[in-house]
Structures are given as C-alpha cells and as structure tokens.
Amino acid sequence: MNKENMDKNLKNTKIISTLGFLSLIFLALIGYLYINNQTKTRLTSLKELDKTLPTAPQPSSMADKSYPQLKAKTGTFLNYPQAEKRSLLTLATAKTSIKPGESFELIVKLNAAGEVVDGVEFILKYDPRLLTAAEEVGEGSFFTIYPQKEVNNQEGSLRVIALQSPDDNKTLNEEVVVTFLMRALSRGSANLNFDLDKTHVAAYGGQELLKQAMPLTLTIQ
C-alpha cells in the first residue's frame, strides 16, 4: 500500500470517527429533550392535581395546635357545658411610675370566675426602646405545664403558653400565670398590650373563655 492510499484510509477513519461522535451527541441531545419534556409534562400534571386538593387548615390558636395536654380533654361541645366568656387577663406592678434603670416585677394574672381552665396563651408587646425583660420567666402555682416561655427583647414581645395537667380538672378564680423581671431603659410612656389575635383562655373542648385582656401603661421619668 502506497503512502497516498494510507493517507486516504487515515482520513476516512477520522471522518467515520467524527461522524460517530456527532451521532452520539445527537442521540444524547434527543434523549435530553425527551426527558425534559416528560418532566415538564409531569410537573404540570402535578400542579393541576394540587389545585384540586383541599388545603390543610393552619393552626390559629392554642386549641388548634394539638398540644397533648389539651387534646386529652378535647371533644365535641355537646359533651361539655357551654362556657361563658368571663375570664380577664390583667397586668400588675408594685407601682406605675418608675425611673430609668429601675427594675420591677410584672405580674400576669388570670381571673376565670370559677371556670375550669385547660390552658392560657398570650403575646404581650412593649416598646423595646423603653423596656427590657430578663430571660427567666417565673411560673405561677395553678398551671403545671409551660410548653412555651419566650422573651424577645429585639421586637419587644413576651409569649407564654401555660396548661393545666390533663389529670386535673381544677376551677380557677384568680391566679398568677407568670411573672417577668423587667427594667426601664429610658424616659417615656411605656405601654404593655396583649396581642388579642394571639391571646386565648381555653376551657372545655377548647372553648374560648377570654372576655378581656387589660393593657398597662407605665410612666418612666
């Protein structure tokens, strides 16, 4: 075989190899486009199916959150006497006029007028520029389970959930729920307000007992 024929054979071999490589790329591209199209079709089908499914309700209150302590007593209202909304949440301090830098105890009380109370939750808001609270939260003697005691001095909020033991069925007249150790930071009128959308007193089967949650104003001077 002369040199010219060898060059032609080598050239033909390179052409065949290149064509084979391009064919593989073409097949891979076709496969990718097919899989991508099938994936998009499947996702579209799933989205359409999702639109037809009912949306699960989001918990909006303590009674909706399925705490075991409350769930143990939960039932239809037909099994329980109808509770009246007579409960009052109040705030108390030794004095309402304080000085910057002065510490004081804030007491959260619940008066349920003799009703059986399964639990209470609240969010108390304040101006973090005027007041700050210690991380430790004091517990009262009536409620025995505290799933949440949260102090947030950045946004100015105190959140508490307190529950009666599922083994108890005690009535409540007036009791301390929690106590906070707070300190005045600067002069001004400091308002402590309950977030009424997230403040509840739960009775039989999660019935709402809360009638009113009273705010408190402190003068810092």
C-alpha atoms as a PDB file:
ATOM      1  CA  MET A   1       0.000   0.000   0.000  1.00  0.00           C
ATOM      2  CA  ASN A   2       1.481   3.315  -1.086  1.00  0.00           C
ATOM      3  CA  LYS A   3       1.606   6.463   1.005  1.00  0.00           C
ATOM      4  CA  GLU A   4      -1.307   8.097  -0.861  1.00  0.00           C
ATOM      5  CA  ASN A   5      -3.655   5.187  -0.070  1.00  0.00           C
ATOM      6  CA  MET A   6      -2.582   5.189   3.563  1.00  0.00           C
ATOM      7  CA  ASP A   7      -3.386   8.896   3.862  1.00  0.00           C
ATOM      8  CA  LYS A   8      -6.815   8.333   2.306  1.00  0.00           C
ATOM      9  CA  ASN A   9      -7.585   5.474   4.697  1.00  0.00           C
ATOM     10  CA  LEU A  10      -6.482   7.550   7.685  1.00  0.00           C
ATOM     11  CA  LYS A  11      -8.637  10.447   6.512  1.00  0.00           C
ATOM     12  CA  ASN A  12     -11.653   8.164   6.052  1.00  0.00           C
ATOM     13  CA  THR A  13     -11.133   6.711   9.529  1.00  0.00           C
ATOM     14  CA  LYS A  14     -11.100  10.197  11.058  1.00  0.00           C
ATOM     15  CA  ILE A  15     -14.276  11.132   9.169  1.00  0.00           C
ATOM     16  CA  ILE A  16     -16.054   7.972  10.360  1.00  0.00           C
ATOM     17  CA  SER A  17     -14.938   8.589  13.958  1.00  0.00           C
ATOM     18  CA  THR A  18     -16.130  12.196  13.809  1.00  0.00           C
ATOM     19  CA  LEU A  19     -19.493  11.168  12.357  1.00  0.00           C
ATOM     20  CA  GLY A  20     -19.874   8.531  15.055  1.00  0.00           C
ATOM     21  CA  PHE A  21     -19.086  11.068  17.771  1.00  0.00           C
ATOM     22  CA  LEU A  22     -21.573  13.571  16.318  1.00  0.00           C
ATOM     23  CA  SER A  23     -24.206  10.826  16.166  1.00  0.00           C
ATOM     24  CA  LEU A  24     -23.720  10.096  19.860  1.00  0.00           C
ATOM     25  CA  ILE A  25     -24.074  13.791  20.684  1.00  0.00           C
ATOM     26  CA  PHE A  26     -27.229  13.989  18.571  1.00  0.00           C
ATOM     27  CA  LEU A  27     -28.749  10.954  20.293  1.00  0.00           C
ATOM     28  CA  ALA A  28     -27.857  12.358  23.717  1.00  0.00           C
ATOM     29  CA  LEU A  29     -29.487  15.684  22.808  1.00  0.00           C
ATOM     30  CA  ILE A  30     -32.644  13.936  21.613  1.00  0.00           C
ATOM     31  CA  GLY A  31     -32.753  11.930  24.860  1.00  0.00           C
ATOM     32  CA  TYR A  32     -32.288  15.052  26.983  1.00  0.00           C
ATOM     33  CA  LEU A  33     -35.053  16.926  25.160  1.00  0.00           C
ATOM     34  CA  TYR A  34     -37.399  13.957  25.538  1.00  0.00           C
ATOM     35  CA  ILE A  35     -36.736  13.570  29.278  1.00  0.00           C
ATOM     36  CA  ASN A  36     -37.022  17.324  29.831  1.00  0.00           C
ATOM     37  CA  ASN A  37     -40.361  17.412  28.002  1.00  0.00           C
ATOM     38  CA  GLN A  38     -41.686  14.456  30.004  1.00  0.00           C
ATOM     39  CA  THR A  39     -40.568  16.102  33.254  1.00  0.00           C
ATOM     40  CA  LYS A  40     -42.333  19.366  32.394  1.00  0.00           C
ATOM     41  CA  THR A  41     -45.480  17.451  31.461  1.00  0.00           C
ATOM     42  CA  ARG A  42     -45.371  15.559  34.770  1.00  0.00           C
ATOM     43  CA  LEU A  43     -44.831  18.737  36.796  1.00  0.00           C
ATOM     44  CA  THR A  44     -47.737  20.418  35.020  1.00  0.00           C
ATOM     45  CA  SER A  45     -49.957  17.435  35.828  1.00  0.00           C
ATOM     46  CA  LEU A  46     -48.910  17.518  39.485  1.00  0.00           C
ATOM     47  CA  LYS A  47     -49.608  21.256  39.735  1.00  0.00           C
ATOM     48  CA  GLU A  48     -53.064  20.778  38.254  1.00  0.00           C
ATOM     49  CA  LEU A  49     -53.709  17.910  40.679  1.00  0.00           C
ATOM     50  CA  ASP A  50     -52.505  20.020  43.602  1.00  0.00           C
ATOM     51  CA  LYS A  51     -55.068  22.705  42.749  1.00  0.00           C
ATOM     52  CA  THR A  52     -57.857  20.170  43.214  1.00  0.00           C
ATOM     53  CA  LEU A  53     -56.677  19.011  46.649  1.00  0.00           C
ATOM     54  CA  PRO A  54     -58.078  20.695  49.795  1.00  0.00           C
ATOM     55  CA  THR A  55     -55.682  22.922  51.706  1.00  0.00           C
ATOM     56  CA  ALA A  56     -54.920  21.832  55.255  1.00  0.00           C
ATOM     57  CA  PRO A  57     -56.077  24.441  57.795  1.00  0.00           C
ATOM     58  CA  GLN A  58     -53.322  26.320  59.621  1.00  0.00           C
ATOM     59  CA  PRO A  59     -53.426  26.478  63.434  1.00  0.00           C
ATOM     60  CA  SER A  60     -54.610  29.872  64.603  1.00  0.00           C
ATOM     61  CA  SER A  61     -54.901  29.397  68.337  1.00  0.00           C
ATOM     62  CA  MET A  62     -53.721  27.306  71.234  1.00  0.00           C
ATOM     63  CA  ALA A  63     -56.685  24.937  70.923  1.00  0.00           C
ATOM     64  CA  ASP A  64     -55.799  24.214  67.270  1.00  0.00           C
ATOM     65  CA  LYS A  65     -52.165  23.238  67.885  1.00  0.00           C
ATOM     66  CA  SER A  66     -52.863  19.736  69.239  1.00  0.00           C
ATOM     67  CA  TYR A  67     -50.945  20.016  72.470  1.00  0.00           C
ATOM     68  CA  PRO A  68     -51.393  16.597  74.115  1.00  0.00           C
ATOM     69  CA  GLN A  69     -52.463  18.238  77.379  1.00  0.00           C
ATOM     70  CA  LEU A  70     -55.368  19.981  75.665  1.00  0.00           C
ATOM     71  CA  LYS A  71     -56.153  17.185  73.250  1.00  0.00           C
ATOM     72  CA  ALA A  72     -56.775  14.826  76.160  1.00  0.00           C
ATOM     73  CA  LYS A  73     -59.784  16.932  77.128  1.00  0.00           C
ATOM     74  CA  THR A  74     -60.927  17.893  73.660  1.00  0.00           C
ATOM     75  CA  GLY A  75     -64.302  16.702  72.453  1.00  0.00           C
ATOM     76  CA  THR A  76     -67.489  17.962  70.914  1.00  0.00           C
ATOM     77  CA  PHE A  77     -69.164  20.790  72.746  1.00  0.00           C
ATOM     78  CA  LEU A  78     -72.180  18.524  73.223  1.00  0.00           C
ATOM     79  CA  ASN A  79     -70.173  16.629  75.853  1.00  0.00           C
ATOM     80  CA  TYR A  80     -69.348  19.760  77.855  1.00  0.00           C
ATOM     81  CA  PRO A  81     -71.365  22.546  79.441  1.00  0.00           C
ATOM     82  CA  GLN A  82     -71.267  25.762  77.433  1.00  0.00           C
ATOM     83  CA  ALA A  83     -68.598  28.039  78.892  1.00  0.00           C
ATOM     84  CA  GLU A  84     -69.156  31.765  79.300  1.00  0.00           C
ATOM     85  CA  LYS A  85     -66.563  34.330  78.280  1.00  0.00           C
ATOM     86  CA  ARG A  86     -65.926  35.839  81.699  1.00  0.00           C
ATOM     87  CA  SER A  87     -62.149  35.497  82.047  1.00  0.00           C
ATOM     88  CA  LEU A  88     -59.917  38.536  82.475  1.00  0.00           C
ATOM     89  CA  LEU A  89     -56.169  38.760  81.898  1.00  0.00           C
ATOM     90  CA  THR A  90     -54.600  41.614  83.839  1.00  0.00           C
ATOM     91  CA  LEU A  91     -51.143  43.093  84.421  1.00  0.00           C
ATOM     92  CA  ALA A  92     -49.880  44.326  87.773  1.00  0.00           C
ATOM     93  CA  THR A  93     -46.773  46.068  89.112  1.00  0.00           C
ATOM     94  CA  ALA A  94     -45.914  47.482  92.529  1.00  0.00           C
ATOM     95  CA  LYS A  95     -46.053  50.979  91.015  1.00  0.00           C
ATOM     96  CA  THR A  96     -46.746  52.522  87.633  1.00  0.00           C
ATOM     97  CA  SER A  97     -44.216  55.365  87.846  1.00  0.00           C
ATOM     98  CA  ILE A  98     -40.582  54.275  87.637  1.00  0.00           C
ATOM     99  CA  LYS A  99     -37.166  55.708  86.860  1.00  0.00           C
ATOM    100  CA  PRO A 100     -34.784  54.852  84.000  1.00  0.00           C
ATOM    101  CA  GLY A 101     -32.565  51.959  85.079  1.00  0.00           C
ATOM    102  CA  GLU A 102     -35.055  50.787  87.706  1.00  0.00           C
ATOM    103  CA  SER A 103     -36.097  47.113  87.762  1.00  0.00           C
ATOM    104  CA  PHE A 104     -39.585  45.920  88.625  1.00  0.00           C
ATOM    105  CA  GLU A 105     -41.731  42.782  88.615  1.00  0.00           C
ATOM    106  CA  LEU A 106     -44.539  42.475  86.086  1.00  0.00           C
ATOM    107  CA  ILE A 107     -47.265  40.019  87.129  1.00  0.00           C
ATOM    108  CA  VAL A 108     -49.700  38.459  84.650  1.00  0.00           C
ATOM    109  CA  LYS A 109     -52.910  37.355  86.384  1.00  0.00           C
ATOM    110  CA  LEU A 110     -55.922  35.406  85.168  1.00  0.00           C
ATOM    111  CA  ASN A 111     -59.386  35.650  86.701  1.00  0.00           C
ATOM    112  CA  ALA A 112     -61.628  32.913  85.280  1.00  0.00           C
ATOM    113  CA  ALA A 113     -64.609  33.415  87.622  1.00  0.00           C
ATOM    114  CA  GLY A 114     -64.569  29.823  88.845  1.00  0.00           C
ATOM    115  CA  GLU A 115     -64.449  28.112  85.431  1.00  0.00           C
ATOM    116  CA  VAL A 116     -62.361  25.038  84.662  1.00  0.00           C
ATOM    117  CA  VAL A 117     -59.426  26.295  82.572  1.00  0.00           C
ATOM    118  CA  ASP A 118     -57.406  23.914  80.424  1.00  0.00           C
ATOM    119  CA  GLY A 119     -54.818  26.485  79.395  1.00  0.00           C
ATOM    120  CA  VAL A 120     -53.924  30.038  78.508  1.00  0.00           C
ATOM    121  CA  GLU A 121     -51.692  31.588  75.874  1.00  0.00           C
ATOM    122  CA  PHE A 122     -50.768  35.190  75.236  1.00  0.00           C
ATOM    123  CA  ILE A 123     -48.354  37.505  73.488  1.00  0.00           C
ATOM    124  CA  LEU A 124     -47.586  40.707  75.359  1.00  0.00           C
ATOM    125  CA  LYS A 125     -45.981  43.542  73.422  1.00  0.00           C
ATOM    126  CA  TYR A 126     -43.906  46.502  74.603  1.00  0.00           C
ATOM    127  CA  ASP A 127     -41.539  49.139  73.236  1.00  0.00           C
ATOM    128  CA  PRO A 128     -38.010  47.642  73.396  1.00  0.00           C
ATOM    129  CA  ARG A 129     -36.567  51.157  73.415  1.00  0.00           C
ATOM    130  CA  LEU A 130     -38.232  51.810  76.781  1.00  0.00           C
ATOM    131  CA  LEU A 131     -38.332  48.387  78.459  1.00  0.00           C
ATOM    132  CA  THR A 132     -36.342  45.176  78.571  1.00  0.00           C
ATOM    133  CA  ALA A 133     -37.151  41.828  80.204  1.00  0.00           C
ATOM    134  CA  ALA A 134     -34.981  39.156  81.807  1.00  0.00           C
ATOM    135  CA  GLU A 135     -34.852  35.789  80.039  1.00  0.00           C
ATOM    136  CA  GLU A 136     -36.016  33.853  83.099  1.00  0.00           C
ATOM    137  CA  VAL A 137     -39.800  33.710  83.494  1.00  0.00           C
ATOM    138  CA  GLY A 138     -41.411  32.941  86.849  1.00  0.00           C
ATOM    139  CA  GLU A 139     -44.245  30.398  86.900  1.00  0.00           C
ATOM    140  CA  GLY A 140     -47.471  30.564  88.891  1.00  0.00           C
ATOM    141  CA  SER A 141     -48.831  27.741  91.048  1.00  0.00           C
ATOM    142  CA  PHE A 142     -52.043  26.857  89.170  1.00  0.00           C
ATOM    143  CA  PHE A 143     -50.706  25.773  85.767  1.00  0.00           C
ATOM    144  CA  THR A 144     -48.163  22.957  85.868  1.00  0.00           C
ATOM    145  CA  ILE A 145     -47.073  22.682  82.223  1.00  0.00           C
ATOM    146  CA  TYR A 146     -45.393  25.518  80.313  1.00  0.00           C
ATOM    147  CA  PRO A 147     -44.654  24.472  76.695  1.00  0.00           C
ATOM    148  CA  GLN A 148     -43.520  27.989  75.847  1.00  0.00           C
ATOM    149  CA  LYS A 149     -41.978  30.902  77.751  1.00  0.00           C
ATOM    150  CA  GLU A 150     -40.304  33.187  75.250  1.00  0.00           C
ATOM    151  CA  VAL A 151     -38.766  36.620  75.792  1.00  0.00           C
ATOM    152  CA  ASN A 152     -37.834  38.622  72.692  1.00  0.00           C
ATOM    153  CA  ASN A 153     -36.273  41.961  73.601  1.00  0.00           C
ATOM    154  CA  GLN A 154     -35.413  42.766  69.996  1.00  0.00           C
ATOM    155  CA  GLU A 155     -39.013  43.001  68.831  1.00  0.00           C
ATOM    156  CA  GLY A 156     -40.445  43.670  72.292  1.00  0.00           C
ATOM    157  CA  SER A 157     -42.659  40.655  72.953  1.00  0.00           C
ATOM    158  CA  LEU A 158     -43.331  38.115  75.695  1.00  0.00           C
ATOM    159  CA  ARG A 159     -45.015  34.856  74.688  1.00  0.00           C
ATOM    160  CA  VAL A 160     -46.353  32.266  77.124  1.00  0.00           C
ATOM    161  CA  ILE A 161     -48.398  29.074  76.891  1.00  0.00           C
ATOM    162  CA  ALA A 162     -49.475  27.564  80.229  1.00  0.00           C
ATOM    163  CA  LEU A 163     -51.531  24.385  80.646  1.00  0.00           C
ATOM    164  CA  GLN A 164     -53.316  22.553  83.411  1.00  0.00           C
ATOM    165  CA  SER A 165     -52.326  18.907  83.743  1.00  0.00           C
ATOM    166  CA  PRO A 166     -54.725  16.571  81.862  1.00  0.00           C
ATOM    167  CA  ASP A 167     -55.077  14.659  85.140  1.00  0.00           C
ATOM    168  CA  ASP A 168     -56.527  17.751  86.839  1.00  0.00           C
ATOM    169  CA  ASN A 169     -59.881  19.417  86.423  1.00  0.00           C
ATOM    170  CA  LYS A 170     -59.488  22.372  88.761  1.00  0.00           C
ATOM    171  CA  THR A 171     -61.556  25.524  88.644  1.00  0.00           C
ATOM    172  CA  LEU A 172     -59.759  28.858  88.600  1.00  0.00           C
ATOM    173  CA  ASN A 173     -60.774  32.050  90.352  1.00  0.00           C
ATOM    174  CA  GLU A 174     -57.783  34.400  90.284  1.00  0.00           C
ATOM    175  CA  GLU A 175     -54.257  33.073  89.865  1.00  0.00           C
ATOM    176  CA  VAL A 176     -50.829  34.265  88.760  1.00  0.00           C
ATOM    177  CA  VAL A 177     -49.934  32.873  85.337  1.00  0.00           C
ATOM    178  CA  VAL A 178     -46.332  34.134  85.132  1.00  0.00           C
ATOM    179  CA  THR A 179     -44.062  36.904  86.389  1.00  0.00           C
ATOM    180  CA  PHE A 180     -41.431  38.848  84.453  1.00  0.00           C
ATOM    181  CA  LEU A 181     -38.492  40.820  85.805  1.00  0.00           C
ATOM    182  CA  MET A 182     -38.292  43.988  83.725  1.00  0.00           C
ATOM    183  CA  ARG A 183     -36.145  47.114  83.650  1.00  0.00           C
ATOM    184  CA  ALA A 184     -36.856  50.632  82.431  1.00  0.00           C
ATOM    185  CA  LEU A 185     -34.375  51.875  79.826  1.00  0.00           C
ATOM    186  CA  SER A 186     -35.308  55.479  79.092  1.00  0.00           C
ATOM    187  CA  ARG A 187     -37.937  58.111  79.788  1.00  0.00           C
ATOM    188  CA  GLY A 188     -41.324  57.856  78.174  1.00  0.00           C
ATOM    189  CA  SER A 189     -44.785  56.324  78.382  1.00  0.00           C
ATOM    190  CA  ALA A 190     -44.371  52.541  78.159  1.00  0.00           C
ATOM    191  CA  ASN A 191     -47.451  50.631  77.020  1.00  0.00           C
ATOM    192  CA  LEU A 192     -47.815  46.890  77.572  1.00  0.00           C
ATOM    193  CA  ASN A 193     -50.538  45.474  75.316  1.00  0.00           C
ATOM    194  CA  PHE A 194     -51.813  41.955  74.695  1.00  0.00           C
ATOM    195  CA  ASP A 195     -51.926  40.817  71.073  1.00  0.00           C
ATOM    196  CA  LEU A 196     -55.627  39.974  71.093  1.00  0.00           C
ATOM    197  CA  ASP A 197     -55.435  37.771  67.991  1.00  0.00           C
ATOM    198  CA  LYS A 198     -52.959  35.510  69.783  1.00  0.00           C
ATOM    199  CA  THR A 199     -54.288  35.670  73.326  1.00  0.00           C
ATOM    200  CA  HIS A 200     -56.702  32.953  74.454  1.00  0.00           C
ATOM    201  CA  VAL A 201     -58.069  31.217  77.537  1.00  0.00           C
ATOM    202  CA  ALA A 202     -59.222  27.682  76.723  1.00  0.00           C
ATOM    203  CA  ALA A 203     -61.867  25.661  78.544  1.00  0.00           C
ATOM    204  CA  TYR A 204     -63.981  22.597  77.794  1.00  0.00           C
ATOM    205  CA  GLY A 205     -63.048  21.191  74.403  1.00  0.00           C
ATOM    206  CA  GLY A 206     -61.084  24.315  73.506  1.00  0.00           C
ATOM    207  CA  GLN A 207     -63.938  26.765  74.108  1.00  0.00           C
ATOM    208  CA  GLU A 208     -62.810  30.382  74.405  1.00  0.00           C
ATOM    209  CA  LEU A 209     -63.203  31.861  77.890  1.00  0.00           C
ATOM    210  CA  LEU A 210     -61.433  35.185  77.415  1.00  0.00           C
ATOM    211  CA  LYS A 211     -63.605  38.254  77.817  1.00  0.00           C
ATOM    212  CA  GLN A 212     -60.927  40.932  78.076  1.00  0.00           C
ATOM    213  CA  ALA A 213     -57.137  41.322  78.259  1.00  0.00           C
ATOM    214  CA  MET A 214     -56.282  44.563  80.019  1.00  0.00           C
ATOM    215  CA  PRO A 215     -53.263  46.666  78.938  1.00  0.00           C
ATOM    216  CA  LEU A 216     -50.989  48.570  81.311  1.00  0.00           C
ATOM    217  CA  THR A 217     -49.203  51.901  80.922  1.00  0.00           C
ATOM    218  CA  LEU A 218     -46.065  52.769  82.885  1.00  0.00           C
ATOM    219  CA  THR A 219     -44.594  56.227  83.238  1.00  0.00           C
ATOM    220  CA  ILE A 220     -40.796  56.298  83.113  1.00  0.00           C
ATOM    221  CA  GLN A 221     -39.409  59.612  84.377  1.00  0.00           C
END
